[in-house]
């Protein structure tokens, strides 16, 4: 998968919760809870799982390089699947990113087919958009996909070094980015996530950094450089946010997850190379759920690992804030 990631597979090319936790508690890193999956083509088996997302019900969706999406409960019980290899509606060629919206619909970055496909949470095909190219609404190996509270969809167009923004039905809205290492420029952007405030975080894979923007593409800040120290990266591939606005980054070649404040301040990390509990071998995707748990697709171990922290007392606010959490 490393070659697939490089150049964004260019060869194929809070929740609205209020938290009063002290800073030390918010910096707590999740610990290993459980895992599921093994190598294979059967139900609940994987061949290089990549993208992962959760929905409002706590279900987990995994994009499998077997050209299918598998759906599980939050504890790994297999529920259903859809997809096969091909170009038709509901078929895939290397699905990478996956995201959900507040209605429970599922968006898949069908990278090899240069399109986004939209499904219900049970796999019924709804619509699609995109084709190969460099124009508005065209893609060169789209890799990451995320939604915001308004139902907008953000796509990392890796081969074109840009982010494109659409409505939930695929109408093109805007874009930003170009090739480079300056502010707002990208080298193979991969993962993308949003927070409750509507800001957008991008894993700038080739530049080994995270960039933060407003929902319309205005550059806000960045953090990271190449390395293996705290806050450094070696090919960040995926990211997600939590209720408190913290950002989790999957540091692909360092075989770890790093946790940051929304401003980029380093908080903690976990993971190392291996096949044991809490170890990774080329992890690809990362997602959080409403309980604050973190799910990681552990690609070459052909499994999903789940991490969590001790439960804390939170109070819900409005549904409008709630729906901004699911992406």
Protein backbone atom coordinates (compact mmCIF):
# COMPACT_ATOMS: atom_id res chain seq x y z
CA UNK A 1 0.00 0.00 0.00
CA UNK A 2 2.98 2.33 0.39
CA UNK A 3 3.26 2.75 -3.38
CA UNK A 4 -0.50 3.26 -3.58
CA UNK A 5 -0.28 6.01 -1.02
CA UNK A 6 2.66 7.77 -2.66
CA UNK A 7 1.38 10.56 -4.88
CA UNK A 8 -2.08 9.80 -3.55
CA UNK A 9 -2.24 6.61 -5.56
CA UNK A 10 -1.41 8.68 -8.60
CA UNK A 11 -0.45 5.48 -10.27
CA UNK A 12 -4.12 4.69 -10.08
CA UNK A 13 -3.49 7.57 -10.77
CA UNK A 14 -18.32 18.62 19.66
CA UNK A 15 -20.48 16.31 18.25
CA UNK A 16 -21.64 19.30 20.24
CA UNK A 17 -20.61 17.95 23.60
CA UNK A 18 -19.36 20.38 26.24
CA UNK A 19 -16.28 19.23 28.12
CA UNK A 20 -15.02 20.59 31.41
CA UNK A 21 -12.12 18.19 31.63
CA UNK A 22 -8.75 19.52 32.74
CA UNK A 23 -6.05 19.73 30.08
CA UNK A 24 -4.24 16.67 31.45
CA UNK A 25 -7.37 14.54 31.05
CA UNK A 26 -7.99 15.78 27.53
CA UNK A 27 -4.42 14.79 26.63
CA UNK A 28 -5.07 11.19 27.66
CA UNK A 29 -4.37 8.78 24.82
CA UNK A 30 -6.82 5.99 24.06
CA UNK A 31 -5.82 2.46 25.02
CA UNK A 32 -6.37 -0.81 23.15
CA UNK A 33 -9.88 -2.26 23.47
CA UNK A 34 -10.44 -4.88 20.78
CA UNK A 35 -9.84 -5.88 17.17
CA UNK A 36 -11.42 -7.85 14.38
CA UNK A 37 -10.53 -9.22 10.97
CA UNK A 38 -8.04 -11.52 9.27
CA UNK A 39 -6.74 -12.10 5.76
CA UNK A 40 -9.37 -13.30 3.33
CA UNK A 41 -12.40 -12.58 1.17
CA UNK A 42 -15.15 -13.78 3.49
CA UNK A 43 -17.49 -11.81 5.70
CA UNK A 44 -15.43 -9.84 8.22
CA UNK A 45 -12.16 -10.70 6.50
CA UNK A 46 -9.95 -8.15 4.76
CA UNK A 47 -7.30 -7.74 2.15
CA UNK A 48 -5.58 -4.47 3.00
CA UNK A 49 -8.41 -2.52 4.68
CA UNK A 50 -8.00 1.21 4.21
CA UNK A 51 -10.66 3.85 4.80
CA UNK A 52 -12.90 3.70 7.88
CA UNK A 53 -15.85 5.77 9.11
CA UNK A 54 -18.56 5.62 11.78
CA UNK A 55 -22.19 6.73 11.78
CA UNK A 56 -24.63 8.14 14.33
CA UNK A 57 -25.70 4.64 15.37
CA UNK A 58 -22.11 3.63 16.13
CA UNK A 59 -21.74 1.36 13.11
CA UNK A 60 -18.33 1.11 11.45
CA UNK A 61 -17.73 1.10 7.67
CA UNK A 62 -14.48 -0.22 6.23
CA UNK A 63 -13.20 0.20 2.67
CA UNK A 64 -11.50 -3.03 1.70
CA UNK A 65 -9.06 -3.29 -1.22
CA UNK A 66 -11.16 -6.33 -2.15
CA UNK A 67 -13.33 -3.63 -3.81
CA UNK A 68 -16.10 -3.66 -1.26
CA UNK A 69 -17.39 -1.83 1.79
CA UNK A 70 -18.04 -3.87 4.92
CA UNK A 71 -20.26 -2.68 7.76
CA UNK A 72 -19.85 -3.74 11.41
CA UNK A 73 -21.12 -2.89 14.85
CA UNK A 74 -18.76 -0.89 17.04
CA UNK A 75 -17.54 -4.16 18.57
CA UNK A 76 -16.76 -5.77 15.23
CA UNK A 77 -19.85 -7.86 14.58
CA UNK A 78 -20.32 -8.21 10.83
CA UNK A 79 -23.54 -6.66 9.50
CA UNK A 80 -23.44 -6.41 5.71
CA UNK A 81 -21.29 -5.54 2.70
CA UNK A 82 -21.58 -4.23 -0.83
CA UNK A 83 -19.43 -3.75 -3.90
CA UNK A 84 -17.33 -5.67 -6.38
CA UNK A 85 -14.66 -4.86 -8.93
CA UNK A 86 -15.81 -2.78 -11.89
CA UNK A 87 -16.98 0.51 -13.35
CA UNK A 88 -20.74 0.26 -12.90
CA UNK A 89 -22.88 1.82 -10.20
CA UNK A 90 -21.90 0.34 -6.84
CA UNK A 91 -18.72 -1.23 -8.17
CA UNK A 92 -15.22 -0.08 -7.20
CA UNK A 93 -11.62 0.11 -8.31
CA UNK A 94 -9.52 0.60 -5.16
CA UNK A 95 -11.91 2.32 -2.75
CA UNK A 96 -9.85 4.38 -0.31
CA UNK A 97 -11.67 7.03 1.73
CA UNK A 98 -15.10 6.56 3.28
CA UNK A 99 -17.30 9.01 5.22
CA UNK A 100 -20.86 9.31 6.52
CA UNK A 101 -23.28 12.19 6.96
CA UNK A 102 -25.94 12.98 9.58
CA UNK A 103 -28.56 11.08 7.57
CA UNK A 104 -26.47 7.92 7.70
CA UNK A 105 -25.54 7.99 4.02
CA UNK A 106 -22.09 6.74 3.04
CA UNK A 107 -19.62 8.38 0.64
CA UNK A 108 -16.79 6.38 -0.92
CA UNK A 109 -13.72 7.74 -2.71
CA UNK A 110 -13.57 5.25 -5.59
CA UNK A 111 -9.97 6.12 -6.37
CA UNK A 112 -9.23 4.03 -9.44
CA UNK A 113 -12.52 5.09 -11.05
CA UNK A 114 -11.87 8.77 -10.22
CA UNK A 115 -15.27 9.33 -8.67
CA UNK A 116 -17.25 9.62 -5.44
CA UNK A 117 -20.11 7.18 -4.91
CA UNK A 118 -22.93 7.73 -2.42
CA UNK A 119 -24.95 4.96 -0.75
CA UNK A 120 -27.46 4.47 2.01
CA UNK A 121 -26.12 2.93 5.21
CA UNK A 122 -27.26 -0.49 3.98
CA UNK A 123 -25.44 -0.19 0.66
CA UNK A 124 -28.19 0.94 -1.70
CA UNK A 125 -26.64 3.01 -4.48
CA UNK A 126 -27.81 6.63 -4.58
CA UNK A 127 -25.62 8.68 -6.89
CA UNK A 128 -22.07 9.39 -8.04
CA UNK A 129 -19.97 12.20 -9.47
CA UNK A 130 -16.53 12.69 -10.96
CA UNK A 131 -14.38 11.48 -13.82
CA UNK A 132 -10.72 11.55 -14.76
CA UNK A 133 -9.34 15.03 -15.33
CA UNK A 134 -8.15 18.34 -13.94
CA UNK A 135 -11.28 20.48 -14.24
CA UNK A 136 -13.93 21.36 -11.68
CA UNK A 137 -15.48 18.16 -10.35
CA UNK A 138 -12.90 15.95 -12.05
CA UNK A 139 -10.33 13.88 -10.16
CA UNK A 140 -6.95 12.24 -10.37
CA UNK A 141 -7.08 9.47 -7.76
CA UNK A 142 -9.34 10.93 -5.06
CA UNK A 143 -8.27 9.50 -1.73
CA UNK A 144 -9.95 11.16 1.26
CA UNK A 145 -13.54 12.23 1.80
CA UNK A 146 -15.27 14.03 4.68
CA UNK A 147 -18.58 15.79 5.37
CA UNK A 148 -19.51 18.81 7.48
CA UNK A 149 -22.56 19.85 9.50
CA UNK A 150 -24.20 21.43 6.45
CA UNK A 151 -23.88 18.22 4.46
CA UNK A 152 -21.06 19.46 2.24
CA UNK A 153 -18.50 16.94 0.99
CA UNK A 154 -14.74 17.56 0.87
CA UNK A 155 -12.50 15.42 -1.34
CA UNK A 156 -8.70 15.24 -1.45
CA UNK A 157 -7.86 15.18 -5.14
CA UNK A 158 -4.38 13.78 -4.63
CA UNK A 159 -3.02 13.72 -8.15
CA UNK A 160 -4.21 17.29 -8.71
CA UNK A 161 -2.87 18.50 -5.34
CA UNK A 162 -6.10 20.19 -4.32
CA UNK A 163 -9.22 19.95 -2.18
CA UNK A 164 -12.62 20.06 -3.89
CA UNK A 165 -15.87 20.89 -2.08
CA UNK A 166 -19.32 19.67 -3.18
CA UNK A 167 -22.88 19.51 -1.98
CA UNK A 168 -24.08 16.15 -0.74
CA UNK A 169 -25.49 15.42 -4.20
CA UNK A 170 -22.27 16.21 -6.01
CA UNK A 171 -22.74 19.80 -7.16
CA UNK A 172 -19.35 21.46 -7.39
CA UNK A 173 -18.89 24.41 -4.99
CA UNK A 174 -15.23 25.42 -4.81
CA UNK A 175 -11.64 24.20 -4.60
CA UNK A 176 -8.27 25.22 -3.23
CA UNK A 177 -4.66 24.15 -3.44
CA UNK A 178 -1.88 23.63 -5.95
CA UNK A 179 1.39 21.73 -6.08
CA UNK A 180 4.06 22.95 -3.67
CA UNK A 181 5.17 23.25 -0.06
CA UNK A 182 3.94 26.75 0.75
CA UNK A 183 0.91 27.66 2.85
CA UNK A 184 -2.18 26.16 1.22
CA UNK A 185 -0.14 24.13 -1.26
CA UNK A 186 -0.01 20.33 -1.28
CA UNK A 187 2.07 17.36 -2.29
CA UNK A 188 -0.33 14.43 -2.51
CA UNK A 189 -3.00 15.43 0.02
CA UNK A 190 -4.58 12.29 1.39
CA UNK A 191 -6.80 12.30 4.48
CA UNK A 192 -9.33 15.04 5.24
CA UNK A 193 -11.56 15.77 8.25
CA UNK A 194 -13.79 18.53 9.58
CA UNK A 195 -14.59 19.75 13.09
CA UNK A 196 -17.75 21.13 14.72
CA UNK A 197 -16.69 24.68 13.85
CA UNK A 198 -16.59 23.78 10.16
CA UNK A 199 -12.82 23.94 9.82
CA UNK A 200 -11.08 21.50 7.50
CA UNK A 201 -7.91 19.54 8.27
CA UNK A 202 -5.83 17.97 5.50
CA UNK A 203 -3.12 15.33 5.78
CA UNK A 204 -0.53 16.73 3.35
CA UNK A 205 1.10 13.35 2.82
CA UNK A 206 4.13 14.30 0.72
CA UNK A 207 4.91 17.42 2.77
CA UNK A 208 4.66 15.56 6.11
CA UNK A 209 2.34 18.08 7.71
CA UNK A 210 -1.25 18.85 8.63
CA UNK A 211 -2.83 21.98 7.19
CA UNK A 212 -5.96 23.62 8.63
CA UNK A 213 -8.42 25.74 6.62
CA UNK A 214 -11.83 27.31 6.92
CA UNK A 215 -14.64 25.54 5.11
CA UNK A 216 -14.12 27.83 2.12
CA UNK A 217 -10.40 27.14 1.86
CA UNK A 218 -8.84 30.07 3.71
CA UNK A 219 -5.52 28.94 5.17
CA UNK A 220 -5.37 29.03 8.98
CA UNK A 221 -2.32 27.16 10.25
CA UNK A 222 -0.17 24.06 9.86
CA UNK A 223 2.07 21.77 11.87
CA UNK A 224 4.53 18.94 11.32
CA UNK A 225 7.75 18.12 9.50
CA UNK A 226 9.53 14.96 8.43
CA UNK A 227 10.80 12.79 11.26
CA UNK A 228 9.89 10.37 14.03
CA UNK A 229 9.79 12.71 17.01
CA UNK A 230 6.74 14.09 18.75
CA UNK A 231 4.71 16.09 16.25
CA UNK A 232 6.79 14.91 13.29
CA UNK A 233 5.48 12.68 10.51
CA UNK A 234 6.56 10.19 7.93
CA UNK A 235 3.68 10.19 5.44
CA UNK A 236 0.54 11.17 7.40
CA UNK A 237 -2.26 9.32 5.63
CA UNK A 238 -5.49 9.87 7.56
CA UNK A 239 -6.94 12.01 10.32
CA UNK A 240 -10.08 12.55 12.40
CA UNK A 241 -11.38 14.92 15.07
CA UNK A 242 -13.12 14.32 18.40
CA UNK A 243 -15.74 16.11 20.50
CA UNK A 244 -13.23 18.49 22.04
CA UNK A 245 -11.74 19.50 18.70
CA UNK A 246 -8.64 17.36 19.11
CA UNK A 247 -7.09 15.94 15.96
CA UNK A 248 -5.85 12.36 15.56
CA UNK A 249 -3.32 11.73 12.79
CA UNK A 250 -2.33 8.36 11.39
CA UNK A 251 1.44 8.54 10.89
CA UNK A 252 1.75 5.84 8.23
CA UNK A 253 5.47 5.02 8.07
CA UNK A 254 5.99 5.66 11.79
CA UNK A 255 3.30 3.07 12.58
CA UNK A 256 1.55 5.24 15.14
CA UNK A 257 -1.33 7.59 15.87
CA UNK A 258 -0.55 11.07 17.16
CA UNK A 259 -3.06 13.27 18.98
CA UNK A 260 -3.03 17.08 18.78
CA UNK A 261 -5.11 20.02 19.89
CA UNK A 262 -6.96 21.75 17.06
CA UNK A 263 -4.18 24.34 17.01
CA UNK A 264 -1.51 21.72 16.41
CA UNK A 265 -0.17 21.41 19.96
CA UNK A 266 1.14 17.88 20.48
CA UNK A 267 -0.70 15.86 23.14
CA UNK A 268 0.23 12.18 22.99
CA UNK A 269 0.77 9.16 20.74
CA UNK A 270 0.51 5.39 20.61
CA UNK A 271 1.56 2.51 18.37
CA UNK A 272 4.67 0.87 16.94
CA UNK A 273 5.48 -1.63 14.21
CA UNK A 274 4.21 -5.16 14.75
CA UNK A 275 1.22 -7.46 14.83
CA UNK A 276 0.40 -7.40 18.53
CA UNK A 277 -2.38 -5.49 20.26
CA UNK A 278 -1.89 -1.79 19.60
CA UNK A 279 0.84 -2.40 17.04
CA UNK A 280 0.49 -1.58 13.33
CA UNK A 281 1.78 -2.66 9.95
CA UNK A 282 1.05 0.07 7.39
CA UNK A 283 -2.15 1.43 8.94
CA UNK A 284 -4.27 3.34 6.43
CA UNK A 285 -7.49 4.77 7.87
CA UNK A 286 -8.62 6.44 11.09
CA UNK A 287 -12.03 7.37 12.50
CA UNK A 288 -13.65 8.37 15.81
CA UNK A 289 -17.15 7.63 17.12
CA UNK A 290 -19.66 9.30 19.43
CA UNK A 291 -18.17 7.53 22.45
CA UNK A 292 -14.70 8.95 21.83
CA UNK A 293 -13.33 5.65 20.55
CA UNK A 294 -10.74 5.55 17.77
CA UNK A 295 -10.74 2.96 14.97
CA UNK A 296 -7.64 2.21 12.90
CA UNK A 297 -7.44 0.05 9.78
CA UNK A 298 -4.26 -1.97 10.17
CA UNK A 299 -3.55 -2.71 6.50
CA UNK A 300 -0.93 -5.43 6.38
CA UNK A 301 -2.32 -7.07 9.51
CA UNK A 302 -5.69 -7.17 7.75
CA UNK A 303 -7.68 -6.02 10.73
CA UNK A 304 -9.40 -3.11 12.43
CA UNK A 305 -8.22 -2.09 15.90
CA UNK A 306 -10.36 -0.13 18.35
CA UNK A 307 -8.99 2.14 21.07
CA UNK A 308 -10.77 4.06 23.81
CA UNK A 309 -10.45 5.92 27.11
CA UNK A 310 -12.31 5.79 30.37
CA UNK A 311 -15.85 7.17 29.93
CA UNK A 312 -16.39 10.76 31.03
CA UNK A 313 -19.49 12.73 31.84
CA UNK A 314 -20.65 14.89 28.92
CA UNK A 315 -23.82 16.74 28.14
CA UNK A 316 -25.35 16.96 24.70
CA UNK A 317 -26.25 20.25 23.10
CA UNK A 318 -28.26 20.75 19.94
CA UNK A 319 -28.89 18.35 17.07
CA UNK A 320 -27.38 20.93 14.75
CA UNK A 321 -24.09 20.54 16.57
CA UNK A 322 -24.53 16.79 16.83
CA UNK A 323 -24.80 16.22 13.13
CA UNK A 324 -21.58 18.11 12.50
CA UNK A 325 -19.68 15.31 14.17
CA UNK A 326 -20.27 12.57 11.60
CA UNK A 327 -17.90 12.38 8.68
